[in-house]
């Protein structure tokens, strides 16, 4: 049997609605959008809490409302953003999912630090000069321990090869253990924090990842289209994360998130890979000692 294709929806990130008005912000908007994407083939969703006017909403009430509304509509697995505000402690970063972590299925673990300042090539200037995303080994250990104690599945990301190399050390040290999904975050021209959103940028990760039983990798592209890499990833046995949170896809006629998921699902079918369903993904990544 050909391996099913995991499609992750990256629903909104911090994206505005110019040029694409289809970016969901509120819990009701997110729930309707995510349910449509689940029907189209998505099995995991990542999202950020937002207010009615699109501002960040890091409070636990917003995340609980999103989870409640989504779960009333479909069984997609929830991988919500943490409250990654500047200077936040590890405890503060998970406060949006408290108490009890009932609003999540996955907990993000990010094994590296990076400068997040965006660059504008037209104005020849950085849009900011002080955005540091800091993840010490102590923080990574805290997140991994929290995932275990809360019985959440770990969701690991990697922005560059140093993170991918660190992952091997974290596994060797017993801090993180498979099974888990691993998202390779790549970037468009202005997002310099990650590998470039190209097959070459993705392949560099894969070269250093090697074979890790129990790890299934996905690729996304923040600030540009992931579709240039999507078919390559599918052909290599990987998976795809896509959504309006990363890119408005003006070149595709300003689609909805569900349109994007359907597009990736069709790419997968060309390779005999049907979209994975949430129950299959949950069974794949649930730690052995938590399986019933």
C-alpha atoms as a PDB file:
ATOM      1  CA  UNK A   1       0.000   0.000   0.000  1.00  0.00           C
ATOM      2  CA  UNK A   2       1.328   3.457  -0.929  1.00  0.00           C
ATOM      3  CA  UNK A   3       1.863   5.673   2.094  1.00  0.00           C
ATOM      4  CA  UNK A   4      -0.973   8.166   2.625  1.00  0.00           C
ATOM      5  CA  UNK A   5      -0.137  11.845   2.199  1.00  0.00           C
ATOM      6  CA  UNK A   6      -0.303  14.020   5.298  1.00  0.00           C
ATOM      7  CA  UNK A   7      -1.576  17.479   4.363  1.00  0.00           C
ATOM      8  CA  UNK A   8      -1.266  20.118   7.044  1.00  0.00           C
ATOM      9  CA  UNK A   9      -3.265  23.321   6.839  1.00  0.00           C
ATOM     10  CA  UNK A  10      -1.401  26.460   7.902  1.00  0.00           C
ATOM     11  CA  UNK A  11      -4.557  28.469   8.232  1.00  0.00           C
ATOM     12  CA  UNK A  12      -3.617  32.035   9.049  1.00  0.00           C
ATOM     13  CA  UNK A  13      -0.296  32.671  10.838  1.00  0.00           C
ATOM     14  CA  UNK A  14      -0.217  36.484  11.201  1.00  0.00           C
ATOM     15  CA  UNK A  15      -1.371  37.124   7.638  1.00  0.00           C
ATOM     16  CA  UNK A  16      -3.532  40.099   6.723  1.00  0.00           C
ATOM     17  CA  UNK A  17      -6.332  40.088   4.164  1.00  0.00           C
ATOM     18  CA  UNK A  18      -4.602  42.103   1.489  1.00  0.00           C
ATOM     19  CA  UNK A  19      -4.638  40.748  -1.165  1.00  0.00           C
ATOM     20  CA  UNK A  20      -6.545  37.591  -0.119  1.00  0.00           C
ATOM     21  CA  UNK A  21      -9.758  38.208   1.813  1.00  0.00           C
ATOM     22  CA  UNK A  22     -10.132  34.489   2.575  1.00  0.00           C
ATOM     23  CA  UNK A  23      -7.692  34.437   5.534  1.00  0.00           C
ATOM     24  CA  UNK A  24      -9.677  33.241   8.598  1.00  0.00           C
ATOM     25  CA  UNK A  25      -9.247  35.141  11.861  1.00  0.00           C
ATOM     26  CA  UNK A  26     -12.011  34.544  14.404  1.00  0.00           C
ATOM     27  CA  UNK A  27     -12.832  31.178  16.027  1.00  0.00           C
ATOM     28  CA  UNK A  28     -15.981  30.812  13.907  1.00  0.00           C
ATOM     29  CA  UNK A  29     -14.121  31.674  10.713  1.00  0.00           C
ATOM     30  CA  UNK A  30     -11.298  29.311  11.561  1.00  0.00           C
ATOM     31  CA  UNK A  31     -13.679  26.477  12.411  1.00  0.00           C
ATOM     32  CA  UNK A  32     -15.591  26.756   9.142  1.00  0.00           C
ATOM     33  CA  UNK A  33     -12.381  27.070   7.140  1.00  0.00           C
ATOM     34  CA  UNK A  34     -10.621  24.195   8.900  1.00  0.00           C
ATOM     35  CA  UNK A  35     -13.642  21.896   8.553  1.00  0.00           C
ATOM     36  CA  UNK A  36     -13.733  22.558   4.811  1.00  0.00           C
ATOM     37  CA  UNK A  37     -10.025  21.773   4.618  1.00  0.00           C
ATOM     38  CA  UNK A  38     -10.468  18.547   6.570  1.00  0.00           C
ATOM     39  CA  UNK A  39     -13.118  17.484   4.083  1.00  0.00           C
ATOM     40  CA  UNK A  40     -10.725  18.375   1.253  1.00  0.00           C
ATOM     41  CA  UNK A  41      -7.955  16.176   2.682  1.00  0.00           C
ATOM     42  CA  UNK A  42      -6.141  17.967   5.510  1.00  0.00           C
ATOM     43  CA  UNK A  43      -5.435  15.900   8.625  1.00  0.00           C
ATOM     44  CA  UNK A  44      -3.494  18.442  10.759  1.00  0.00           C
ATOM     45  CA  UNK A  45      -4.046  22.159  11.181  1.00  0.00           C
ATOM     46  CA  UNK A  46      -1.806  24.888  12.557  1.00  0.00           C
ATOM     47  CA  UNK A  47      -3.312  28.280  13.361  1.00  0.00           C
ATOM     48  CA  UNK A  48      -2.872  31.466  15.373  1.00  0.00           C
ATOM     49  CA  UNK A  49      -5.514  33.019  17.599  1.00  0.00           C
ATOM     50  CA  UNK A  50      -6.628  36.336  16.110  1.00  0.00           C
ATOM     51  CA  UNK A  51      -9.122  39.026  17.047  1.00  0.00           C
ATOM     52  CA  UNK A  52     -12.003  40.211  14.884  1.00  0.00           C
ATOM     53  CA  UNK A  53      -9.716  42.843  13.349  1.00  0.00           C
ATOM     54  CA  UNK A  54      -6.818  40.431  12.852  1.00  0.00           C
ATOM     55  CA  UNK A  55      -4.642  41.355  15.829  1.00  0.00           C
ATOM     56  CA  UNK A  56      -2.893  38.515  17.704  1.00  0.00           C
ATOM     57  CA  UNK A  57      -4.958  36.899  20.467  1.00  0.00           C
ATOM     58  CA  UNK A  58      -2.785  34.853  22.823  1.00  0.00           C
ATOM     59  CA  UNK A  59      -5.383  34.235  25.539  1.00  0.00           C
ATOM     60  CA  UNK A  60      -6.465  30.683  26.445  1.00  0.00           C
ATOM     61  CA  UNK A  61     -10.135  31.562  25.937  1.00  0.00           C
ATOM     62  CA  UNK A  62      -9.566  32.219  22.239  1.00  0.00           C
ATOM     63  CA  UNK A  63      -7.692  28.954  21.745  1.00  0.00           C
ATOM     64  CA  UNK A  64     -10.302  27.005  23.696  1.00  0.00           C
ATOM     65  CA  UNK A  65     -13.041  28.525  21.534  1.00  0.00           C
ATOM     66  CA  UNK A  66     -11.194  27.604  18.343  1.00  0.00           C
ATOM     67  CA  UNK A  67     -10.707  24.015  19.502  1.00  0.00           C
ATOM     68  CA  UNK A  68     -14.320  23.712  20.620  1.00  0.00           C
ATOM     69  CA  UNK A  69     -15.705  25.056  17.345  1.00  0.00           C
ATOM     70  CA  UNK A  70     -13.375  22.976  15.168  1.00  0.00           C
ATOM     71  CA  UNK A  71     -14.035  19.750  17.062  1.00  0.00           C
ATOM     72  CA  UNK A  72     -17.775  20.263  16.747  1.00  0.00           C
ATOM     73  CA  UNK A  73     -17.336  20.128  12.977  1.00  0.00           C
ATOM     74  CA  UNK A  74     -14.553  17.624  12.206  1.00  0.00           C
ATOM     75  CA  UNK A  75     -11.832  15.357  13.621  1.00  0.00           C
ATOM     76  CA  UNK A  76      -8.771  17.169  12.248  1.00  0.00           C
ATOM     77  CA  UNK A  77      -5.744  17.170  14.580  1.00  0.00           C
ATOM     78  CA  UNK A  78      -4.905  20.488  16.225  1.00  0.00           C
ATOM     79  CA  UNK A  79      -1.369  21.893  16.283  1.00  0.00           C
ATOM     80  CA  UNK A  80      -1.971  25.436  17.560  1.00  0.00           C
ATOM     81  CA  UNK A  81       0.609  28.167  17.772  1.00  0.00           C
ATOM     82  CA  UNK A  82       2.208  28.896  21.104  1.00  0.00           C
ATOM     83  CA  UNK A  83       2.093  32.401  22.593  1.00  0.00           C
ATOM     84  CA  UNK A  84       5.486  33.275  21.142  1.00  0.00           C
ATOM     85  CA  UNK A  85       5.610  36.931  22.150  1.00  0.00           C
ATOM     86  CA  UNK A  86       8.998  38.685  22.462  1.00  0.00           C
ATOM     87  CA  UNK A  87      10.696  37.863  25.744  1.00  0.00           C
ATOM     88  CA  UNK A  88       8.109  35.282  26.818  1.00  0.00           C
ATOM     89  CA  UNK A  89       9.303  32.503  29.113  1.00  0.00           C
ATOM     90  CA  UNK A  90       8.668  28.869  28.262  1.00  0.00           C
ATOM     91  CA  UNK A  91       5.797  28.818  30.767  1.00  0.00           C
ATOM     92  CA  UNK A  92       4.282  31.948  29.248  1.00  0.00           C
ATOM     93  CA  UNK A  93       4.565  30.507  25.751  1.00  0.00           C
ATOM     94  CA  UNK A  94       2.296  27.577  26.619  1.00  0.00           C
ATOM     95  CA  UNK A  95      -0.165  29.650  28.679  1.00  0.00           C
ATOM     96  CA  UNK A  96      -2.525  30.032  25.705  1.00  0.00           C
ATOM     97  CA  UNK A  97      -3.130  26.262  25.795  1.00  0.00           C
ATOM     98  CA  UNK A  98      -3.737  26.087  29.563  1.00  0.00           C
ATOM     99  CA  UNK A  99      -5.324  24.791  31.647  1.00  0.00           C
ATOM    100  CA  UNK A 100      -5.041  21.130  30.799  1.00  0.00           C
ATOM    101  CA  UNK A 101      -3.978  21.461  27.137  1.00  0.00           C
ATOM    102  CA  UNK A 102      -7.418  20.346  26.000  1.00  0.00           C
ATOM    103  CA  UNK A 103      -7.233  22.712  23.033  1.00  0.00           C
ATOM    104  CA  UNK A 104      -4.352  20.839  21.373  1.00  0.00           C
ATOM    105  CA  UNK A 105      -3.363  17.435  20.015  1.00  0.00           C
ATOM    106  CA  UNK A 106       0.251  18.421  19.253  1.00  0.00           C
ATOM    107  CA  UNK A 107       2.728  20.615  21.117  1.00  0.00           C
ATOM    108  CA  UNK A 108       5.308  22.507  19.068  1.00  0.00           C
ATOM    109  CA  UNK A 109       8.974  21.786  19.799  1.00  0.00           C
ATOM    110  CA  UNK A 110      11.443  24.079  18.044  1.00  0.00           C
ATOM    111  CA  UNK A 111      15.064  22.961  18.495  1.00  0.00           C
ATOM    112  CA  UNK A 112      16.898  26.123  17.540  1.00  0.00           C
ATOM    113  CA  UNK A 113      17.018  29.907  17.545  1.00  0.00           C
ATOM    114  CA  UNK A 114      16.870  32.292  14.616  1.00  0.00           C
ATOM    115  CA  UNK A 115      16.665  35.959  13.607  1.00  0.00           C
ATOM    116  CA  UNK A 116      13.126  36.559  12.298  1.00  0.00           C
ATOM    117  CA  UNK A 117      13.579  40.022  10.768  1.00  0.00           C
ATOM    118  CA  UNK A 118      12.028  40.207   7.308  1.00  0.00           C
ATOM    119  CA  UNK A 119      13.892  41.858   4.435  1.00  0.00           C
ATOM    120  CA  UNK A 120      12.233  44.033   1.797  1.00  0.00           C
ATOM    121  CA  UNK A 121      14.262  43.788  -1.391  1.00  0.00           C
ATOM    122  CA  UNK A 122      12.351  46.633  -3.065  1.00  0.00           C
ATOM    123  CA  UNK A 123      13.108  49.185  -0.344  1.00  0.00           C
ATOM    124  CA  UNK A 124      16.548  47.657   0.335  1.00  0.00           C
ATOM    125  CA  UNK A 125      15.842  47.551   4.066  1.00  0.00           C
ATOM    126  CA  UNK A 126      14.880  45.225   6.886  1.00  0.00           C
ATOM    127  CA  UNK A 127      11.320  45.597   8.161  1.00  0.00           C
ATOM    128  CA  UNK A 128      12.556  45.130  11.712  1.00  0.00           C
ATOM    129  CA  UNK A 129      15.926  44.735  13.389  1.00  0.00           C
ATOM    130  CA  UNK A 130      15.253  43.023  16.725  1.00  0.00           C
ATOM    131  CA  UNK A 131      13.072  39.941  16.172  1.00  0.00           C
ATOM    132  CA  UNK A 132      14.914  37.035  17.749  1.00  0.00           C
ATOM    133  CA  UNK A 133      13.145  33.680  18.122  1.00  0.00           C
ATOM    134  CA  UNK A 134      15.032  32.161  21.042  1.00  0.00           C
ATOM    135  CA  UNK A 135      14.847  28.464  21.920  1.00  0.00           C
ATOM    136  CA  UNK A 136      17.498  27.350  24.382  1.00  0.00           C
ATOM    137  CA  UNK A 137      18.146  23.676  24.991  1.00  0.00           C
ATOM    138  CA  UNK A 138      16.498  24.240  28.375  1.00  0.00           C
ATOM    139  CA  UNK A 139      13.364  25.509  26.620  1.00  0.00           C
ATOM    140  CA  UNK A 140      13.352  22.605  24.172  1.00  0.00           C
ATOM    141  CA  UNK A 141      13.647  20.151  27.069  1.00  0.00           C
ATOM    142  CA  UNK A 142      10.794  21.901  28.883  1.00  0.00           C
ATOM    143  CA  UNK A 143       8.542  21.636  25.823  1.00  0.00           C
ATOM    144  CA  UNK A 144       9.376  17.963  25.310  1.00  0.00           C
ATOM    145  CA  UNK A 145       8.721  17.194  28.981  1.00  0.00           C
ATOM    146  CA  UNK A 146       5.453  19.141  28.838  1.00  0.00           C
ATOM    147  CA  UNK A 147       4.298  17.202  25.791  1.00  0.00           C
ATOM    148  CA  UNK A 148       4.925  13.925  27.594  1.00  0.00           C
ATOM    149  CA  UNK A 149       3.244  14.945  30.842  1.00  0.00           C
ATOM    150  CA  UNK A 150       0.238  16.432  29.036  1.00  0.00           C
ATOM    151  CA  UNK A 151      -0.005  13.392  26.742  1.00  0.00           C
ATOM    152  CA  UNK A 152       0.336  15.550  23.649  1.00  0.00           C
ATOM    153  CA  UNK A 153       2.073  14.434  20.495  1.00  0.00           C
ATOM    154  CA  UNK A 154       5.288  16.392  19.826  1.00  0.00           C
ATOM    155  CA  UNK A 155       5.393  18.462  16.658  1.00  0.00           C
ATOM    156  CA  UNK A 156       8.972  19.328  15.716  1.00  0.00           C
ATOM    157  CA  UNK A 157      10.032  22.072  13.306  1.00  0.00           C
ATOM    158  CA  UNK A 158      13.330  22.894  11.631  1.00  0.00           C
ATOM    159  CA  UNK A 159      14.240  26.186   9.976  1.00  0.00           C
ATOM    160  CA  UNK A 160      17.756  25.239   8.925  1.00  0.00           C
ATOM    161  CA  UNK A 161      20.340  22.468   8.995  1.00  0.00           C
ATOM    162  CA  UNK A 162      21.618  23.447  12.444  1.00  0.00           C
ATOM    163  CA  UNK A 163      18.155  22.639  13.821  1.00  0.00           C
ATOM    164  CA  UNK A 164      18.062  19.361  11.912  1.00  0.00           C
ATOM    165  CA  UNK A 165      21.481  18.448  13.311  1.00  0.00           C
ATOM    166  CA  UNK A 166      20.346  19.408  16.812  1.00  0.00           C
ATOM    167  CA  UNK A 167      17.387  17.069  16.446  1.00  0.00           C
ATOM    168  CA  UNK A 168      19.750  14.095  16.179  1.00  0.00           C
ATOM    169  CA  UNK A 169      21.462  15.173  19.405  1.00  0.00           C
ATOM    170  CA  UNK A 170      18.126  15.646  21.185  1.00  0.00           C
ATOM    171  CA  UNK A 171      17.083  12.138  20.187  1.00  0.00           C
ATOM    172  CA  UNK A 172      20.460  10.738  21.245  1.00  0.00           C
ATOM    173  CA  UNK A 173      20.087  12.446  24.640  1.00  0.00           C
ATOM    174  CA  UNK A 174      16.590  11.038  25.097  1.00  0.00           C
ATOM    175  CA  UNK A 175      15.024  14.510  25.234  1.00  0.00           C
ATOM    176  CA  UNK A 176      12.822  13.880  22.201  1.00  0.00           C
ATOM    177  CA  UNK A 177      11.815  10.456  20.965  1.00  0.00           C
ATOM    178  CA  UNK A 178       9.990   9.418  17.785  1.00  0.00           C
ATOM    179  CA  UNK A 179       7.341   9.047  16.557  1.00  0.00           C
ATOM    180  CA  UNK A 180       6.651  12.632  15.527  1.00  0.00           C
ATOM    181  CA  UNK A 181       6.122  14.825  12.465  1.00  0.00           C
ATOM    182  CA  UNK A 182       9.000  17.082  11.446  1.00  0.00           C
ATOM    183  CA  UNK A 183       8.156  20.254   9.548  1.00  0.00           C
ATOM    184  CA  UNK A 184      10.875  21.773   7.396  1.00  0.00           C
ATOM    185  CA  UNK A 185      10.084  25.490   7.322  1.00  0.00           C
ATOM    186  CA  UNK A 186      11.483  27.136   4.209  1.00  0.00           C
ATOM    187  CA  UNK A 187      11.151  30.768   3.203  1.00  0.00           C
ATOM    188  CA  UNK A 188      10.473  33.144   0.369  1.00  0.00           C
ATOM    189  CA  UNK A 189      12.839  35.966  -0.615  1.00  0.00           C
ATOM    190  CA  UNK A 190      12.136  38.120   2.442  1.00  0.00           C
ATOM    191  CA  UNK A 191      12.130  35.363   5.065  1.00  0.00           C
ATOM    192  CA  UNK A 192      15.836  34.818   5.557  1.00  0.00           C
ATOM    193  CA  UNK A 193      15.509  32.828   8.781  1.00  0.00           C
ATOM    194  CA  UNK A 194      14.889  29.583   6.927  1.00  0.00           C
ATOM    195  CA  UNK A 195      16.340  27.653   4.033  1.00  0.00           C
ATOM    196  CA  UNK A 196      15.191  29.038   0.669  1.00  0.00           C
ATOM    197  CA  UNK A 197      11.882  27.692  -0.572  1.00  0.00           C
ATOM    198  CA  UNK A 198      13.386  25.515  -3.278  1.00  0.00           C
ATOM    199  CA  UNK A 199      14.124  21.874  -3.911  1.00  0.00           C
ATOM    200  CA  UNK A 200      17.768  22.609  -3.106  1.00  0.00           C
ATOM    201  CA  UNK A 201      16.801  24.180   0.219  1.00  0.00           C
ATOM    202  CA  UNK A 202      14.651  21.179   1.104  1.00  0.00           C
ATOM    203  CA  UNK A 203      17.228  18.646  -0.059  1.00  0.00           C
ATOM    204  CA  UNK A 204      19.852  20.141   2.259  1.00  0.00           C
ATOM    205  CA  UNK A 205      17.596  19.255   5.185  1.00  0.00           C
ATOM    206  CA  UNK A 206      17.002  15.761   3.874  1.00  0.00           C
ATOM    207  CA  UNK A 207      20.723  15.152   3.446  1.00  0.00           C
ATOM    208  CA  UNK A 208      21.354  15.869   7.112  1.00  0.00           C
ATOM    209  CA  UNK A 209      18.156  14.229   8.364  1.00  0.00           C
ATOM    210  CA  UNK A 210      19.029  10.791   7.044  1.00  0.00           C
ATOM    211  CA  UNK A 211      16.839   7.873   8.042  1.00  0.00           C
ATOM    212  CA  UNK A 212      15.028   8.351  11.346  1.00  0.00           C
ATOM    213  CA  UNK A 213      12.436   5.632  11.985  1.00  0.00           C
ATOM    214  CA  UNK A 214       9.194   7.087  13.256  1.00  0.00           C
ATOM    215  CA  UNK A 215       9.809  10.547  11.786  1.00  0.00           C
ATOM    216  CA  UNK A 216       7.627  11.748   8.907  1.00  0.00           C
ATOM    217  CA  UNK A 217       8.699  15.038   7.352  1.00  0.00           C
ATOM    218  CA  UNK A 218       6.634  17.796   5.825  1.00  0.00           C
ATOM    219  CA  UNK A 219       7.634  20.987   4.030  1.00  0.00           C
ATOM    220  CA  UNK A 220       6.107  24.463   4.017  1.00  0.00           C
ATOM    221  CA  UNK A 221       7.221  27.814   2.622  1.00  0.00           C
ATOM    222  CA  UNK A 222       6.639  31.052   4.514  1.00  0.00           C
ATOM    223  CA  UNK A 223       6.499  34.043   2.217  1.00  0.00           C
ATOM    224  CA  UNK A 224       6.195  32.185  -1.086  1.00  0.00           C
ATOM    225  CA  UNK A 225       4.442  29.256  -2.736  1.00  0.00           C
ATOM    226  CA  UNK A 226       5.258  25.781  -1.464  1.00  0.00           C
ATOM    227  CA  UNK A 227       4.003  24.175  -4.666  1.00  0.00           C
ATOM    228  CA  UNK A 228       7.434  24.227  -6.303  1.00  0.00           C
ATOM    229  CA  UNK A 229       8.564  21.785  -3.618  1.00  0.00           C
ATOM    230  CA  UNK A 230       5.289  19.961  -3.007  1.00  0.00           C
ATOM    231  CA  UNK A 231       5.444  17.502  -5.883  1.00  0.00           C
ATOM    232  CA  UNK A 232       9.106  16.752  -5.160  1.00  0.00           C
ATOM    233  CA  UNK A 233       8.277  16.143  -1.499  1.00  0.00           C
ATOM    234  CA  UNK A 234       5.403  13.844  -2.393  1.00  0.00           C
ATOM    235  CA  UNK A 235       7.582  11.874  -4.810  1.00  0.00           C
ATOM    236  CA  UNK A 236      10.234  11.492  -2.091  1.00  0.00           C
ATOM    237  CA  UNK A 237       7.730  10.083   0.410  1.00  0.00           C
ATOM    238  CA  UNK A 238       7.353  13.332   2.336  1.00  0.00           C
ATOM    239  CA  UNK A 239       4.299  15.404   3.131  1.00  0.00           C
ATOM    240  CA  UNK A 240       3.076  18.966   2.560  1.00  0.00           C
ATOM    241  CA  UNK A 241       1.951  21.887   4.728  1.00  0.00           C
ATOM    242  CA  UNK A 242       0.163  24.702   2.914  1.00  0.00           C
ATOM    243  CA  UNK A 243      -2.108  27.623   3.657  1.00  0.00           C
ATOM    244  CA  UNK A 244      -2.916  31.289   3.336  1.00  0.00           C
ATOM    245  CA  UNK A 245      -0.992  31.939   6.519  1.00  0.00           C
ATOM    246  CA  UNK A 246       2.203  31.493   4.519  1.00  0.00           C
ATOM    247  CA  UNK A 247       1.310  32.968   1.137  1.00  0.00           C
ATOM    248  CA  UNK A 248      -1.813  34.538  -0.453  1.00  0.00           C
ATOM    249  CA  UNK A 249      -1.437  32.548  -3.696  1.00  0.00           C
ATOM    250  CA  UNK A 250      -2.478  35.504  -5.838  1.00  0.00           C
ATOM    251  CA  UNK A 251      -1.026  33.602  -8.782  1.00  0.00           C
ATOM    252  CA  UNK A 252      -3.777  30.978  -8.309  1.00  0.00           C
ATOM    253  CA  UNK A 253      -6.569  33.552  -8.284  1.00  0.00           C
ATOM    254  CA  UNK A 254      -6.718  34.218  -4.515  1.00  0.00           C
ATOM    255  CA  UNK A 255      -7.999  30.764  -3.482  1.00  0.00           C
ATOM    256  CA  UNK A 256      -9.428  29.595  -0.185  1.00  0.00           C
ATOM    257  CA  UNK A 257      -7.469  27.324   2.110  1.00  0.00           C
ATOM    258  CA  UNK A 258      -9.698  24.436   1.024  1.00  0.00           C
ATOM    259  CA  UNK A 259      -8.792  25.130  -2.609  1.00  0.00           C
ATOM    260  CA  UNK A 260      -5.113  24.822  -1.694  1.00  0.00           C
ATOM    261  CA  UNK A 261      -5.647  21.568   0.186  1.00  0.00           C
ATOM    262  CA  UNK A 262      -7.554  20.119  -2.766  1.00  0.00           C
ATOM    263  CA  UNK A 263      -4.703  21.125  -5.068  1.00  0.00           C
ATOM    264  CA  UNK A 264      -2.152  19.263  -2.936  1.00  0.00           C
ATOM    265  CA  UNK A 265      -4.482  16.271  -2.598  1.00  0.00           C
ATOM    266  CA  UNK A 266      -4.647  16.024  -6.388  1.00  0.00           C
ATOM    267  CA  UNK A 267      -0.853  16.178  -6.598  1.00  0.00           C
ATOM    268  CA  UNK A 268      -0.699  13.294  -4.155  1.00  0.00           C
ATOM    269  CA  UNK A 269      -3.141  11.204  -6.157  1.00  0.00           C
ATOM    270  CA  UNK A 270      -0.879  11.483  -9.202  1.00  0.00           C
ATOM    271  CA  UNK A 271       1.608   9.460  -7.159  1.00  0.00           C
ATOM    272  CA  UNK A 272      -0.982   7.050  -5.806  1.00  0.00           C
ATOM    273  CA  UNK A 273      -1.033   8.742  -2.403  1.00  0.00           C
ATOM    274  CA  UNK A 274      -4.467   9.444  -1.005  1.00  0.00           C
ATOM    275  CA  UNK A 275      -4.833  12.104   1.701  1.00  0.00           C
ATOM    276  CA  UNK A 276      -4.188  10.699   5.163  1.00  0.00           C
ATOM    277  CA  UNK A 277      -7.129  10.853   7.519  1.00  0.00           C
ATOM    278  CA  UNK A 278      -6.805  12.245  11.050  1.00  0.00           C
ATOM    279  CA  UNK A 279      -7.352   8.894  12.774  1.00  0.00           C
ATOM    280  CA  UNK A 280      -4.487   7.336  10.797  1.00  0.00           C
ATOM    281  CA  UNK A 281      -2.179  10.253  11.576  1.00  0.00           C
ATOM    282  CA  UNK A 282      -3.055  10.139  15.266  1.00  0.00           C
ATOM    283  CA  UNK A 283      -2.283   6.424  15.430  1.00  0.00           C
ATOM    284  CA  UNK A 284       0.984   7.021  13.570  1.00  0.00           C
ATOM    285  CA  UNK A 285       2.283   9.638  16.006  1.00  0.00           C
ATOM    286  CA  UNK A 286       0.822   8.549  19.334  1.00  0.00           C
ATOM    287  CA  UNK A 287       3.713   7.350  21.541  1.00  0.00           C
ATOM    288  CA  UNK A 288       3.627   3.607  22.171  1.00  0.00           C
ATOM    289  CA  UNK A 289       3.189   4.066  25.915  1.00  0.00           C
ATOM    290  CA  UNK A 290       0.091   6.218  25.308  1.00  0.00           C
ATOM    291  CA  UNK A 291      -1.659   3.916  22.874  1.00  0.00           C
ATOM    292  CA  UNK A 292      -4.836   2.296  24.129  1.00  0.00           C
END
